[in-house]
N, C-alpha and C. Protein backbone atom coordinates (compact mmCIF):
# COMPACT_ATOMS: atom_id res chain seq x y z
N MET A 1 0.82 -1.19 0.00
CA MET A 1 0.01 0.00 0.01
C MET A 1 0.86 1.26 -0.01
N LYS A 2 1.92 1.21 0.80
CA LYS A 2 2.81 2.36 0.90
C LYS A 2 3.54 2.60 -0.42
N ALA A 3 3.86 1.51 -1.14
CA ALA A 3 4.55 1.62 -2.42
C ALA A 3 3.64 2.29 -3.46
N ILE A 4 2.36 1.95 -3.43
CA ILE A 4 1.43 2.55 -4.38
C ILE A 4 1.28 4.06 -4.11
N LEU A 5 1.15 4.42 -2.83
CA LEU A 5 1.04 5.80 -2.45
C LEU A 5 2.30 6.57 -2.85
N SER A 6 3.45 5.97 -2.65
CA SER A 6 4.71 6.57 -3.02
C SER A 6 4.80 6.77 -4.55
N PHE A 7 4.32 5.78 -5.29
CA PHE A 7 4.33 5.87 -6.75
C PHE A 7 3.50 7.06 -7.23
N TYR A 8 2.29 7.19 -6.71
CA TYR A 8 1.40 8.27 -7.13
C TYR A 8 1.90 9.64 -6.67
N SER A 9 2.48 9.71 -5.50
CA SER A 9 3.02 11.00 -5.05
C SER A 9 4.23 11.41 -5.88
N ASP A 10 5.05 10.44 -6.28
CA ASP A 10 6.19 10.74 -7.15
C ASP A 10 5.69 11.18 -8.55
N ALA A 11 4.66 10.50 -9.04
CA ALA A 11 4.12 10.86 -10.34
C ALA A 11 3.54 12.26 -10.33
N LEU A 12 2.82 12.60 -9.25
CA LEU A 12 2.24 13.96 -9.11
C LEU A 12 3.34 15.00 -9.04
N LYS A 13 4.41 14.70 -8.29
CA LYS A 13 5.54 15.64 -8.16
C LYS A 13 6.19 15.88 -9.52
N ILE A 14 6.41 14.84 -10.28
CA ILE A 14 7.03 14.97 -11.61
C ILE A 14 6.10 15.74 -12.56
N ALA A 15 4.80 15.47 -12.47
CA ALA A 15 3.84 16.16 -13.34
C ALA A 15 3.82 17.66 -13.04
N LEU A 16 3.79 18.01 -11.77
CA LEU A 16 3.76 19.43 -11.39
C LEU A 16 5.07 20.12 -11.78
N GLN A 17 6.19 19.44 -11.64
CA GLN A 17 7.45 20.02 -12.05
C GLN A 17 7.45 20.28 -13.55
N SER A 18 6.90 19.36 -14.32
CA SER A 18 6.83 19.52 -15.76
C SER A 18 5.94 20.68 -16.15
N ILE A 19 4.80 20.81 -15.46
CA ILE A 19 3.87 21.90 -15.77
C ILE A 19 4.53 23.25 -15.48
N PHE A 20 5.19 23.37 -14.33
CA PHE A 20 5.83 24.63 -13.99
C PHE A 20 7.06 24.92 -14.84
N ALA A 21 7.70 23.89 -15.37
CA ALA A 21 8.86 24.10 -16.23
C ALA A 21 8.45 24.55 -17.63
N HIS A 22 7.26 24.17 -18.07
CA HIS A 22 6.78 24.48 -19.41
C HIS A 22 5.43 25.20 -19.29
N LYS A 23 5.47 26.44 -18.79
CA LYS A 23 4.25 27.18 -18.51
C LYS A 23 3.49 27.53 -19.77
N LEU A 24 4.17 27.92 -20.85
CA LEU A 24 3.48 28.27 -22.07
C LEU A 24 2.76 27.08 -22.66
N ARG A 25 3.42 25.94 -22.68
CA ARG A 25 2.80 24.73 -23.21
C ARG A 25 1.57 24.33 -22.39
N ALA A 26 1.68 24.45 -21.06
CA ALA A 26 0.56 24.13 -20.20
C ALA A 26 -0.59 25.09 -20.43
N PHE A 27 -0.28 26.38 -20.60
CA PHE A 27 -1.32 27.38 -20.85
C PHE A 27 -2.01 27.13 -22.18
N LEU A 28 -1.25 26.84 -23.23
CA LEU A 28 -1.84 26.60 -24.54
C LEU A 28 -2.71 25.33 -24.53
N THR A 29 -2.27 24.31 -23.80
CA THR A 29 -3.06 23.10 -23.66
C THR A 29 -4.37 23.38 -22.96
N LEU A 30 -4.31 24.16 -21.91
CA LEU A 30 -5.52 24.52 -21.17
C LEU A 30 -6.48 25.32 -22.03
N ILE A 31 -5.96 26.27 -22.80
CA ILE A 31 -6.81 27.05 -23.70
C ILE A 31 -7.44 26.16 -24.75
N GLY A 32 -6.69 25.20 -25.28
CA GLY A 32 -7.22 24.28 -26.28
C GLY A 32 -8.35 23.42 -25.71
N ILE A 33 -8.19 22.97 -24.49
CA ILE A 33 -9.23 22.17 -23.87
C ILE A 33 -10.48 23.00 -23.62
N ILE A 34 -10.31 24.22 -23.16
CA ILE A 34 -11.46 25.10 -22.91
C ILE A 34 -12.21 25.39 -24.19
N ILE A 35 -11.49 25.72 -25.27
CA ILE A 35 -12.12 26.01 -26.55
C ILE A 35 -12.82 24.77 -27.09
N GLY A 36 -12.21 23.61 -26.96
CA GLY A 36 -12.82 22.38 -27.43
C GLY A 36 -14.10 22.03 -26.69
N VAL A 37 -14.09 22.14 -25.40
CA VAL A 37 -15.30 21.84 -24.61
C VAL A 37 -16.40 22.86 -24.93
N ALA A 38 -16.03 24.13 -25.04
CA ALA A 38 -17.02 25.17 -25.35
C ALA A 38 -17.64 24.94 -26.72
N SER A 39 -16.86 24.51 -27.70
CA SER A 39 -17.40 24.28 -29.03
C SER A 39 -18.34 23.08 -29.05
N VAL A 40 -18.00 22.03 -28.30
CA VAL A 40 -18.88 20.86 -28.25
C VAL A 40 -20.20 21.22 -27.57
N VAL A 41 -20.15 22.00 -26.50
CA VAL A 41 -21.38 22.42 -25.81
C VAL A 41 -22.21 23.32 -26.74
N THR A 42 -21.58 24.21 -27.47
CA THR A 42 -22.30 25.10 -28.36
C THR A 42 -22.98 24.32 -29.49
N VAL A 43 -22.28 23.39 -30.09
CA VAL A 43 -22.87 22.59 -31.16
C VAL A 43 -24.03 21.74 -30.62
N GLY A 44 -23.88 21.17 -29.45
CA GLY A 44 -24.96 20.39 -28.86
C GLY A 44 -26.18 21.24 -28.58
N ALA A 45 -25.98 22.44 -28.05
CA ALA A 45 -27.11 23.32 -27.76
C ALA A 45 -27.77 23.78 -29.06
N SER A 46 -26.98 24.03 -30.09
CA SER A 46 -27.55 24.45 -31.38
C SER A 46 -28.39 23.35 -31.99
N ILE A 47 -27.91 22.14 -31.95
CA ILE A 47 -28.66 21.01 -32.52
C ILE A 47 -29.97 20.81 -31.74
N SER A 48 -29.90 20.91 -30.42
CA SER A 48 -31.10 20.77 -29.61
C SER A 48 -32.10 21.87 -29.90
N GLY A 49 -31.62 23.10 -30.02
CA GLY A 49 -32.49 24.22 -30.34
C GLY A 49 -33.12 24.09 -31.71
N LEU A 50 -32.35 23.67 -32.71
CA LEU A 50 -32.89 23.50 -34.05
C LEU A 50 -33.92 22.36 -34.07
N ASN A 51 -33.64 21.29 -33.33
CA ASN A 51 -34.59 20.17 -33.27
C ASN A 51 -35.92 20.63 -32.68
N THR A 52 -35.87 21.40 -31.62
CA THR A 52 -37.09 21.93 -31.01
C THR A 52 -37.83 22.86 -31.99
N TYR A 53 -37.11 23.71 -32.68
CA TYR A 53 -37.71 24.63 -33.64
C TYR A 53 -38.41 23.88 -34.76
N VAL A 54 -37.76 22.86 -35.30
CA VAL A 54 -38.34 22.08 -36.41
C VAL A 54 -39.59 21.35 -35.95
N ILE A 55 -39.54 20.76 -34.76
CA ILE A 55 -40.73 20.06 -34.25
C ILE A 55 -41.89 21.03 -34.05
N GLU A 56 -41.64 22.22 -33.53
CA GLU A 56 -42.69 23.22 -33.34
C GLU A 56 -43.27 23.65 -34.69
N ARG A 57 -42.40 23.86 -35.67
CA ARG A 57 -42.88 24.30 -37.00
C ARG A 57 -43.71 23.20 -37.65
N ILE A 58 -43.29 21.95 -37.52
CA ILE A 58 -44.05 20.85 -38.13
C ILE A 58 -45.42 20.72 -37.44
N SER A 59 -45.44 20.80 -36.12
CA SER A 59 -46.72 20.67 -35.43
C SER A 59 -47.62 21.88 -35.70
N PHE A 60 -47.04 23.06 -35.85
CA PHE A 60 -47.82 24.27 -36.17
C PHE A 60 -48.42 24.14 -37.57
N SER A 61 -47.64 23.67 -38.54
CA SER A 61 -48.16 23.54 -39.91
C SER A 61 -49.19 22.42 -39.98
N ALA A 62 -49.08 21.40 -39.14
CA ALA A 62 -50.07 20.32 -39.11
C ALA A 62 -51.41 20.83 -38.59
N VAL A 63 -51.34 21.78 -37.62
CA VAL A 63 -52.59 22.36 -37.07
C VAL A 63 -53.25 23.24 -38.11
N ILE A 64 -52.47 23.99 -38.89
CA ILE A 64 -53.04 24.88 -39.90
C ILE A 64 -53.67 24.10 -41.05
N THR A 65 -53.03 23.03 -41.48
CA THR A 65 -53.54 22.28 -42.64
C THR A 65 -54.72 21.41 -42.30
N SER A 66 -54.96 21.07 -41.03
CA SER A 66 -56.08 20.19 -40.71
C SER A 66 -57.35 20.92 -40.39
């Protein structure tokens, strides 16, 4: 158990050292992740909104024609 904890603490220490040694790379990676998540959320919301709009228009035209 102690060996596993030691392994993860060493891995975390190395990861943090790498992040602080390469600040620009870490910043650009973070910006890329933020932009990617925001674009996926935006596309999902747009598709959902368009789906709702189309369903409303179809049901509205069905009421008018009947």
